[in-house]
N, C-alpha and C. Protein backbone atom coordinates (compact mmCIF):
# COMPACT_ATOMS: atom_id res chain seq x y z
N MET A 1 60.98 0.62 -75.63
CA MET A 1 62.23 0.51 -74.29
C MET A 1 62.98 1.90 -74.58
N ASN A 2 63.34 2.30 -75.71
CA ASN A 2 63.60 3.56 -76.12
C ASN A 2 63.39 4.67 -75.35
N ARG A 3 61.96 4.65 -75.38
CA ARG A 3 60.91 5.53 -74.87
C ARG A 3 61.24 5.87 -72.96
N VAL A 4 61.38 4.74 -72.62
CA VAL A 4 61.55 4.42 -71.10
C VAL A 4 62.82 4.98 -70.73
N ASN A 5 64.09 4.40 -71.67
CA ASN A 5 65.29 5.27 -70.89
C ASN A 5 65.40 6.74 -71.57
N THR A 6 64.70 7.27 -72.22
CA THR A 6 64.71 9.10 -72.72
C THR A 6 63.88 9.66 -71.30
N CYS A 7 63.12 9.01 -70.74
CA CYS A 7 62.18 9.59 -69.64
C CYS A 7 63.17 9.64 -68.45
N LEU A 8 63.83 8.60 -68.29
CA LEU A 8 64.70 8.23 -66.92
C LEU A 8 65.43 9.64 -66.52
N PRO A 9 66.23 10.03 -67.53
CA PRO A 9 67.20 11.10 -67.25
C PRO A 9 66.23 12.28 -66.78
N ALA A 10 65.35 12.66 -67.48
CA ALA A 10 64.39 13.66 -67.52
C ALA A 10 64.01 13.38 -65.86
N GLY A 11 63.39 12.28 -65.45
CA GLY A 11 62.57 12.11 -64.34
C GLY A 11 63.86 12.35 -63.18
N ARG A 12 64.98 12.18 -63.54
CA ARG A 12 66.17 12.42 -62.52
C ARG A 12 66.58 13.64 -62.20
N ALA A 13 66.46 14.44 -63.33
CA ALA A 13 66.70 15.93 -63.01
C ALA A 13 65.85 16.33 -62.48
N ARG A 14 64.36 16.09 -62.76
CA ARG A 14 63.30 16.76 -61.97
C ARG A 14 63.44 16.36 -60.62
N ALA A 15 63.95 15.22 -60.39
CA ALA A 15 63.89 14.90 -58.71
C ALA A 15 64.93 15.90 -58.03
N ALA A 16 66.10 16.00 -58.75
CA ALA A 16 67.05 16.66 -58.38
C ALA A 16 66.71 17.97 -58.05
N GLN A 17 65.96 18.63 -58.97
CA GLN A 17 65.49 20.03 -58.88
C GLN A 17 64.47 20.23 -57.65
N LEU A 18 63.66 19.25 -57.50
CA LEU A 18 62.67 19.19 -56.33
C LEU A 18 63.58 18.66 -54.89
N ARG A 19 64.60 18.21 -54.75
CA ARG A 19 65.70 18.03 -53.87
C ARG A 19 66.35 19.40 -53.68
N HIS A 20 66.79 20.11 -54.22
CA HIS A 20 67.48 21.29 -54.14
C HIS A 20 66.31 22.32 -53.70
N ARG A 21 65.00 22.27 -54.37
CA ARG A 21 64.05 23.38 -53.49
C ARG A 21 63.61 22.82 -52.17
N ARG A 22 63.44 22.05 -52.00
CA ARG A 22 63.14 21.65 -50.46
C ARG A 22 64.47 22.30 -49.79
N LYS A 23 65.56 22.00 -49.92
CA LYS A 23 66.74 22.50 -49.10
C LYS A 23 66.67 23.73 -48.76
N SER A 24 66.55 24.76 -50.03
CA SER A 24 66.24 26.14 -50.05
C SER A 24 64.88 26.72 -49.45
N GLU A 25 64.16 25.96 -49.26
CA GLU A 25 62.41 26.29 -48.63
C GLU A 25 62.49 25.80 -47.57
N GLY A 26 63.54 25.27 -46.75
CA GLY A 26 63.31 24.50 -45.57
C GLY A 26 62.79 25.00 -44.24
N GLY A 27 63.31 26.28 -44.17
CA GLY A 27 62.81 27.08 -42.87
C GLY A 27 62.87 28.54 -42.81
N TYR A 28 62.85 29.07 -41.74
CA TYR A 28 63.08 30.60 -41.85
C TYR A 28 64.43 31.07 -41.30
N THR A 29 64.62 32.30 -41.79
CA THR A 29 66.18 33.08 -41.46
C THR A 29 65.88 33.34 -40.23
N LEU A 30 67.07 33.75 -39.56
CA LEU A 30 67.15 34.53 -38.22
C LEU A 30 66.71 35.72 -38.37
N VAL A 31 67.01 36.43 -39.52
CA VAL A 31 66.34 37.60 -40.03
C VAL A 31 64.98 37.69 -39.86
N GLU A 32 64.39 36.69 -40.24
CA GLU A 32 62.78 36.85 -40.44
C GLU A 32 62.12 36.39 -38.90
N LEU A 33 62.72 35.64 -38.42
CA LEU A 33 62.34 35.02 -36.80
C LEU A 33 62.53 36.46 -35.98
N LEU A 34 63.60 37.35 -35.95
CA LEU A 34 63.48 38.42 -35.21
C LEU A 34 62.68 39.46 -35.40
N VAL A 35 62.50 39.54 -36.74
CA VAL A 35 61.41 40.38 -37.28
C VAL A 35 60.07 40.15 -36.57
N VAL A 36 59.67 38.76 -36.70
CA VAL A 36 58.19 38.19 -36.16
C VAL A 36 58.47 38.65 -34.68
N ILE A 37 59.64 38.27 -34.08
CA ILE A 37 59.47 38.61 -32.38
C ILE A 37 59.46 40.14 -32.20
N THR A 38 59.98 40.55 -32.81
CA THR A 38 60.12 42.42 -32.38
C THR A 38 58.49 42.75 -32.75
N ILE A 39 57.92 42.57 -33.91
CA ILE A 39 56.34 42.70 -34.03
C ILE A 39 55.55 42.32 -32.76
N ILE A 40 55.76 41.12 -32.42
CA ILE A 40 54.95 40.47 -31.08
C ILE A 40 55.22 41.32 -30.10
N GLY A 41 56.48 41.30 -30.03
CA GLY A 41 57.03 42.58 -28.70
C GLY A 41 56.21 43.97 -28.59
N LEU A 42 56.26 44.64 -29.76
CA LEU A 42 55.62 45.77 -30.02
C LEU A 42 54.24 45.60 -29.58
N ILE A 43 53.34 44.70 -30.25
CA ILE A 43 51.88 44.59 -29.90
C ILE A 43 51.98 44.15 -28.45
N VAL A 44 52.65 43.71 -27.64
CA VAL A 44 52.38 43.48 -26.43
C VAL A 44 52.69 44.54 -25.63
N ALA A 45 53.79 45.52 -25.87
CA ALA A 45 54.13 46.61 -25.36
C ALA A 45 52.83 47.59 -25.55
N LEU A 46 52.17 47.43 -26.58
CA LEU A 46 51.20 48.36 -26.87
C LEU A 46 49.79 47.98 -26.15
N VAL A 47 49.44 46.65 -26.18
CA VAL A 47 48.26 46.03 -25.73
C VAL A 47 48.06 46.01 -24.43
N GLY A 48 49.40 45.35 -23.80
CA GLY A 48 49.61 44.96 -22.48
C GLY A 48 48.98 45.98 -21.38
N PRO A 49 49.22 47.14 -21.24
CA PRO A 49 48.99 48.11 -20.35
C PRO A 49 47.45 48.45 -20.57
N ARG A 50 46.99 48.29 -21.48
CA ARG A 50 45.34 48.70 -21.78
C ARG A 50 44.53 47.46 -21.10
N VAL A 51 45.06 46.40 -21.17
CA VAL A 51 44.47 44.94 -20.82
C VAL A 51 44.52 45.23 -19.42
N LEU A 52 45.66 45.57 -18.72
CA LEU A 52 45.72 45.14 -17.37
C LEU A 52 45.02 46.42 -16.95
N GLY A 53 44.77 47.69 -17.46
CA GLY A 53 44.03 48.65 -16.98
C GLY A 53 42.34 48.00 -16.69
N TYR A 54 42.09 47.41 -17.84
CA TYR A 54 40.82 46.99 -17.96
C TYR A 54 40.63 46.07 -16.87
N LEU A 55 41.63 45.18 -16.65
CA LEU A 55 41.15 44.22 -15.28
C LEU A 55 41.52 44.76 -13.88
N GLY A 56 42.15 45.78 -13.79
CA GLY A 56 42.13 46.69 -12.76
C GLY A 56 40.55 47.26 -12.59
N ASP A 57 40.20 48.10 -13.62
CA ASP A 57 38.59 48.42 -13.50
C ASP A 57 37.66 47.37 -13.23
N SER A 58 38.03 46.31 -13.86
CA SER A 58 36.78 45.31 -13.67
C SER A 58 36.94 44.88 -12.00
N LYS A 59 37.75 44.91 -11.51
CA LYS A 59 37.96 44.61 -10.38
C LYS A 59 37.29 45.40 -9.09
N VAL A 60 37.31 46.65 -9.55
CA VAL A 60 36.74 47.62 -8.86
C VAL A 60 35.07 47.61 -8.96
N LYS A 61 34.81 47.48 -10.18
CA LYS A 61 33.21 47.15 -10.57
C LYS A 61 32.76 46.26 -9.89
N THR A 62 33.54 44.77 -10.02
CA THR A 62 33.10 43.85 -9.24
C THR A 62 32.95 43.98 -7.60
N ALA A 63 33.85 44.64 -6.87
CA ALA A 63 33.73 45.25 -5.62
C ALA A 63 32.30 46.16 -5.34
N LYS A 64 32.20 46.98 -6.21
CA LYS A 64 31.03 47.71 -6.11
C LYS A 64 29.53 46.85 -6.11
N ILE A 65 29.80 45.72 -7.17
CA ILE A 65 28.59 45.13 -7.12
C ILE A 65 28.26 44.31 -6.13
N GLN A 66 29.34 43.45 -5.54
CA GLN A 66 29.39 42.71 -4.44
C GLN A 66 28.87 43.51 -3.17
N ILE A 67 29.17 44.72 -3.06
CA ILE A 67 28.74 45.50 -2.00
C ILE A 67 27.21 46.29 -2.09
N GLN A 68 26.77 46.40 -3.26
CA GLN A 68 25.68 46.40 -3.52
C GLN A 68 24.86 44.98 -3.27
N GLY A 69 25.03 44.00 -3.34
CA GLY A 69 24.44 42.74 -3.11
C GLY A 69 24.45 42.45 -1.62
N PHE A 70 25.50 42.90 -0.82
CA PHE A 70 25.47 42.78 0.34
C PHE A 70 24.55 43.55 1.12
N SER A 71 24.39 45.06 0.48
CA SER A 71 23.14 45.88 1.00
C SER A 71 21.79 45.34 0.94
N SER A 72 21.47 44.79 -0.32
CA SER A 72 20.28 44.00 -0.52
C SER A 72 20.01 42.82 0.40
N ALA A 73 21.09 41.87 0.68
CA ALA A 73 20.99 40.69 1.62
C ALA A 73 20.85 41.46 3.03
N LEU A 74 21.68 42.71 3.31
CA LEU A 74 21.38 43.24 4.79
C LEU A 74 20.12 43.80 4.88
N ASP A 75 19.17 44.32 3.96
CA ASP A 75 18.24 44.73 3.73
C ASP A 75 16.78 43.42 4.20
N LEU A 76 17.24 42.42 3.44
CA LEU A 76 16.33 41.30 3.80
C LEU A 76 16.74 40.90 5.14
N PHE A 77 17.94 41.07 5.70
CA PHE A 77 17.74 40.27 7.14
C PHE A 77 17.38 41.52 8.01
N TYR A 78 17.32 42.57 7.76
CA TYR A 78 16.62 43.50 8.58
C TYR A 78 14.91 43.64 8.51
N LEU A 79 14.38 43.04 7.35
CA LEU A 79 13.04 42.85 7.42
C LEU A 79 12.73 41.61 7.87
N ASP A 80 13.00 40.43 8.03
CA ASP A 80 13.34 39.44 8.89
C ASP A 80 13.54 39.54 10.24
N THR A 81 14.46 40.26 10.57
CA THR A 81 14.99 40.38 12.02
C THR A 81 14.89 41.47 12.69
N GLY A 82 14.59 42.46 11.79
CA GLY A 82 14.29 43.88 12.89
C GLY A 82 15.57 44.44 12.97
N ARG A 83 16.52 44.01 12.60
CA ARG A 83 18.03 44.86 13.13
C ARG A 83 18.84 44.56 11.76
N TYR A 84 20.03 45.16 11.72
CA TYR A 84 20.95 45.11 11.10
C TYR A 84 21.97 44.01 11.85
N PRO A 85 22.89 43.22 11.24
CA PRO A 85 23.63 42.44 12.16
C PRO A 85 24.66 43.51 13.01
N SER A 86 25.02 42.87 13.98
CA SER A 86 26.10 43.62 14.69
C SER A 86 27.55 43.70 14.11
N THR A 87 28.49 44.46 14.29
CA THR A 87 29.75 44.59 14.07
C THR A 87 30.34 43.27 14.31
N SER A 88 30.03 42.66 15.78
CA SER A 88 30.54 41.65 16.02
C SER A 88 30.19 40.20 15.18
N GLU A 89 28.80 40.41 14.67
CA GLU A 89 28.09 39.38 14.00
C GLU A 89 28.90 39.35 12.58
N GLY A 90 29.12 40.69 11.90
CA GLY A 90 29.40 40.66 10.79
C GLY A 90 28.73 40.42 9.49
N LEU A 91 29.27 40.22 8.35
CA LEU A 91 28.46 39.86 7.27
C LEU A 91 28.06 38.35 7.39
N THR A 92 28.92 37.54 8.00
CA THR A 92 28.67 36.19 8.36
C THR A 92 27.20 35.89 8.77
N ALA A 93 26.75 36.77 9.28
CA ALA A 93 25.35 36.62 9.94
C ALA A 93 24.24 36.27 8.38
N LEU A 94 24.63 36.99 7.29
CA LEU A 94 23.98 36.77 6.10
C LEU A 94 24.15 35.39 5.60
N VAL A 95 25.00 34.44 5.96
CA VAL A 95 24.98 32.79 5.48
C VAL A 95 24.89 32.00 6.58
N GLN A 96 25.01 32.56 7.83
CA GLN A 96 24.95 31.44 9.21
C GLN A 96 24.16 32.18 10.19
N ARG A 97 23.18 31.57 10.91
CA ARG A 97 22.30 32.04 11.68
C ARG A 97 23.15 32.62 12.84
N THR A 98 22.84 33.48 13.64
CA THR A 98 23.38 33.69 14.85
C THR A 98 22.58 33.84 15.95
N PRO A 99 23.03 33.67 17.02
CA PRO A 99 22.28 33.34 18.48
C PRO A 99 21.21 34.70 18.76
N GLY A 100 21.53 35.86 18.11
CA GLY A 100 20.34 36.67 18.47
C GLY A 100 19.51 37.14 17.51
N ALA A 101 19.43 36.20 16.28
CA ALA A 101 18.60 36.41 15.30
C ALA A 101 17.55 35.12 15.20
N ALA A 102 16.56 35.21 15.89
CA ALA A 102 15.39 34.06 16.39
C ALA A 102 14.55 34.10 14.82
N THR A 103 14.22 35.07 14.02
CA THR A 103 13.38 35.14 13.13
C THR A 103 14.48 34.91 11.47
N TRP A 104 15.68 34.47 11.61
CA TRP A 104 16.63 34.49 10.62
C TRP A 104 15.64 33.51 9.47
N ASN A 105 15.82 33.81 8.21
CA ASN A 105 15.54 33.15 7.20
C ASN A 105 16.53 32.94 5.94
N GLY A 106 17.77 32.98 6.52
CA GLY A 106 18.65 32.91 5.32
C GLY A 106 19.08 31.78 4.91
N PRO A 107 20.23 31.26 3.89
CA PRO A 107 20.99 32.25 3.87
C PRO A 107 20.66 33.41 2.84
N TYR A 108 21.14 34.61 3.20
CA TYR A 108 20.57 35.85 2.29
C TYR A 108 21.60 36.19 1.23
N LEU A 109 22.53 35.45 0.89
CA LEU A 109 23.59 35.50 -0.34
C LEU A 109 23.31 34.31 -1.08
N LYS A 110 23.54 34.37 -2.42
CA LYS A 110 23.48 33.17 -3.18
C LYS A 110 24.34 31.96 -3.13
N GLY A 111 24.16 30.98 -3.00
CA GLY A 111 25.26 30.18 -2.89
C GLY A 111 25.60 29.76 -1.20
N GLY A 112 25.13 30.77 -0.51
CA GLY A 112 25.13 30.36 1.02
C GLY A 112 26.83 30.73 1.49
N THR A 113 27.44 31.28 0.56
CA THR A 113 28.90 31.58 0.88
C THR A 113 29.32 33.04 1.04
N LEU A 114 30.29 33.62 1.92
CA LEU A 114 30.58 35.04 1.86
C LEU A 114 31.64 35.34 1.09
N PRO A 115 31.41 35.98 -0.24
CA PRO A 115 32.70 36.18 -0.97
C PRO A 115 33.65 36.93 -0.45
N SER A 116 35.06 36.87 -0.88
CA SER A 116 35.93 38.01 -0.32
C SER A 116 36.10 39.02 -1.48
N ASP A 117 36.62 40.07 -0.95
CA ASP A 117 36.78 41.23 -2.27
C ASP A 117 37.47 40.53 -3.39
N PRO A 118 37.56 41.39 -4.43
CA PRO A 118 38.10 40.92 -5.82
C PRO A 118 39.71 40.45 -5.50
N TRP A 119 40.30 41.17 -4.74
CA TRP A 119 41.86 40.92 -3.95
C TRP A 119 41.90 40.14 -3.10
N GLY A 120 40.93 39.37 -2.68
CA GLY A 120 41.32 38.28 -2.21
C GLY A 120 41.06 38.44 -0.42
N LYS A 121 40.74 39.55 -0.19
CA LYS A 121 40.74 39.98 1.15
C LYS A 121 39.15 40.11 1.99
N PRO A 122 38.77 39.93 3.14
CA PRO A 122 37.61 40.07 3.45
C PRO A 122 37.09 41.63 3.52
N TYR A 123 35.53 41.73 3.19
CA TYR A 123 35.17 43.25 3.45
C TYR A 123 35.22 43.61 4.92
N ALA A 124 35.25 44.72 5.34
CA ALA A 124 35.28 45.22 6.63
C ALA A 124 33.45 45.77 6.58
N TYR A 125 33.16 45.47 7.98
CA TYR A 125 31.37 45.60 8.19
C TYR A 125 31.62 46.54 9.62
N ARG A 126 30.82 47.57 9.43
CA ARG A 126 30.65 48.25 10.72
C ARG A 126 29.04 48.40 10.88
N ALA A 127 28.32 48.18 12.02
CA ALA A 127 27.24 48.65 12.42
C ALA A 127 26.71 48.90 13.93
N PRO A 128 26.52 49.97 14.17
CA PRO A 128 25.91 51.28 13.21
C PRO A 128 27.22 51.65 12.71
N GLY A 129 27.35 52.26 11.12
CA GLY A 129 28.23 52.73 10.58
C GLY A 129 28.27 54.13 10.90
N GLU A 130 29.49 55.20 10.51
CA GLU A 130 29.78 56.38 10.38
C GLU A 130 28.70 57.11 9.38
N HIS A 131 28.47 56.30 8.08
CA HIS A 131 27.70 56.90 7.33
C HIS A 131 26.26 56.54 6.76
N GLY A 132 25.85 55.75 7.91
CA GLY A 132 24.29 55.24 7.75
C GLY A 132 24.11 54.01 8.54
N ALA A 133 23.42 52.97 8.70
CA ALA A 133 23.03 52.22 9.53
C ALA A 133 24.06 50.94 9.58
N TYR A 134 24.74 50.65 8.66
CA TYR A 134 26.12 49.99 8.35
C TYR A 134 27.12 50.80 7.20
N ASP A 135 28.09 50.45 7.59
CA ASP A 135 29.31 50.54 6.51
C ASP A 135 30.09 49.33 5.98
N ILE A 136 30.39 49.47 4.77
CA ILE A 136 30.93 47.97 4.28
C ILE A 136 31.82 48.85 3.22
N VAL A 137 33.08 48.06 3.37
CA VAL A 137 34.43 48.63 2.99
C VAL A 137 35.16 47.75 2.35
N SER A 138 35.80 47.58 0.94
CA SER A 138 36.84 47.03 0.59
C SER A 138 37.96 48.26 0.69
N LEU A 139 39.08 47.65 0.94
CA LEU A 139 40.22 48.30 0.95
C LEU A 139 41.12 48.55 -0.24
N GLY A 140 40.26 48.14 -1.43
CA GLY A 140 41.12 48.20 -2.65
C GLY A 140 42.25 47.19 -2.97
N SER A 141 43.22 47.63 -4.16
CA SER A 141 44.20 46.49 -4.37
C SER A 141 45.36 46.55 -3.33
N ASP A 142 45.72 47.67 -2.38
CA ASP A 142 46.65 47.87 -1.80
C ASP A 142 46.29 47.28 -0.35
N GLY A 143 45.02 47.02 0.11
CA GLY A 143 44.49 46.55 1.17
C GLY A 143 44.69 47.49 2.47
N GLN A 144 45.06 48.81 2.04
CA GLN A 144 45.13 49.91 3.25
C GLN A 144 44.20 51.02 2.90
N GLU A 145 43.98 51.54 3.92
CA GLU A 145 42.81 52.81 3.98
C GLU A 145 43.67 53.51 2.88
N GLY A 146 42.51 54.37 2.07
CA GLY A 146 42.78 55.67 1.06
C GLY A 146 43.29 55.01 0.19
N GLY A 147 44.17 55.78 -0.69
CA GLY A 147 44.73 55.29 -2.17
C GLY A 147 43.81 56.09 -3.18
N THR A 148 44.50 55.68 -4.48
CA THR A 148 43.78 56.28 -5.52
C THR A 148 43.78 55.05 -6.64
N GLY A 149 42.93 55.45 -7.62
CA GLY A 149 42.71 54.41 -8.51
C GLY A 149 42.54 52.91 -8.15
N THR A 150 43.01 52.03 -8.42
CA THR A 150 42.67 50.67 -7.89
C THR A 150 42.42 50.34 -6.71
N ALA A 151 43.65 51.12 -5.93
CA ALA A 151 43.79 51.02 -4.61
C ALA A 151 43.04 51.74 -3.60
N ALA A 152 42.14 52.69 -4.19
CA ALA A 152 41.08 53.37 -3.57
C ALA A 152 40.20 52.71 -2.89
N ASP A 153 39.66 52.93 -1.69
CA ASP A 153 38.82 52.19 -1.07
C ASP A 153 37.16 52.33 -1.86
N ILE A 154 36.73 51.05 -1.38
CA ILE A 154 35.20 50.83 -2.15
C ILE A 154 34.52 50.87 -1.26
N THR A 155 33.46 51.69 -1.13
CA THR A 155 32.71 51.73 -0.05
C THR A 155 31.14 51.46 -0.18
N SER A 156 30.24 51.42 0.73
CA SER A 156 28.95 51.35 0.46
C SER A 156 28.15 52.60 0.23
N TRP A 157 28.79 53.75 0.90
CA TRP A 157 28.19 54.76 0.86
C TRP A 157 28.57 55.93 -0.02
N SER A 158 29.54 55.52 -0.95
CA SER A 158 30.01 56.33 -1.87
C SER A 158 29.22 55.76 -3.34
N LYS A 159 29.41 56.44 -4.31
CA LYS A 159 28.65 56.15 -5.77
C LYS A 159 29.67 56.30 -6.47
């Protein structure tokens, strides 16, 4: 019994130490939080513009690949019908039979749907084109003719 009584005060002291330690280690200080937020802000400020640049470049590349896909589909249309779709028929002739295409064997685009450009606008199509049998144009991110960078026009005749 004596032994139990001597252990209890030491046990109480140990419990008091643990309670004190838990209180002092309970959370982060305001300074620590501000340092972490500052570091995260710096990382975002340095990496953010590069990520956005890659996103803009990938949209331009996507538009070029889609235009190449349209060109291949138009060549198949030409082989089947002996002509390219007129400007009034447009690229829609690649996914829907038009009255003037008796030997149409489409749809010529995978999925049977006509995609918009990466900025959500329709591609412009002219046949006969100024630069070949047809012209396909995406007006870029600004949706207007001309421009530079991601706002530049993406065309079927430029490489």
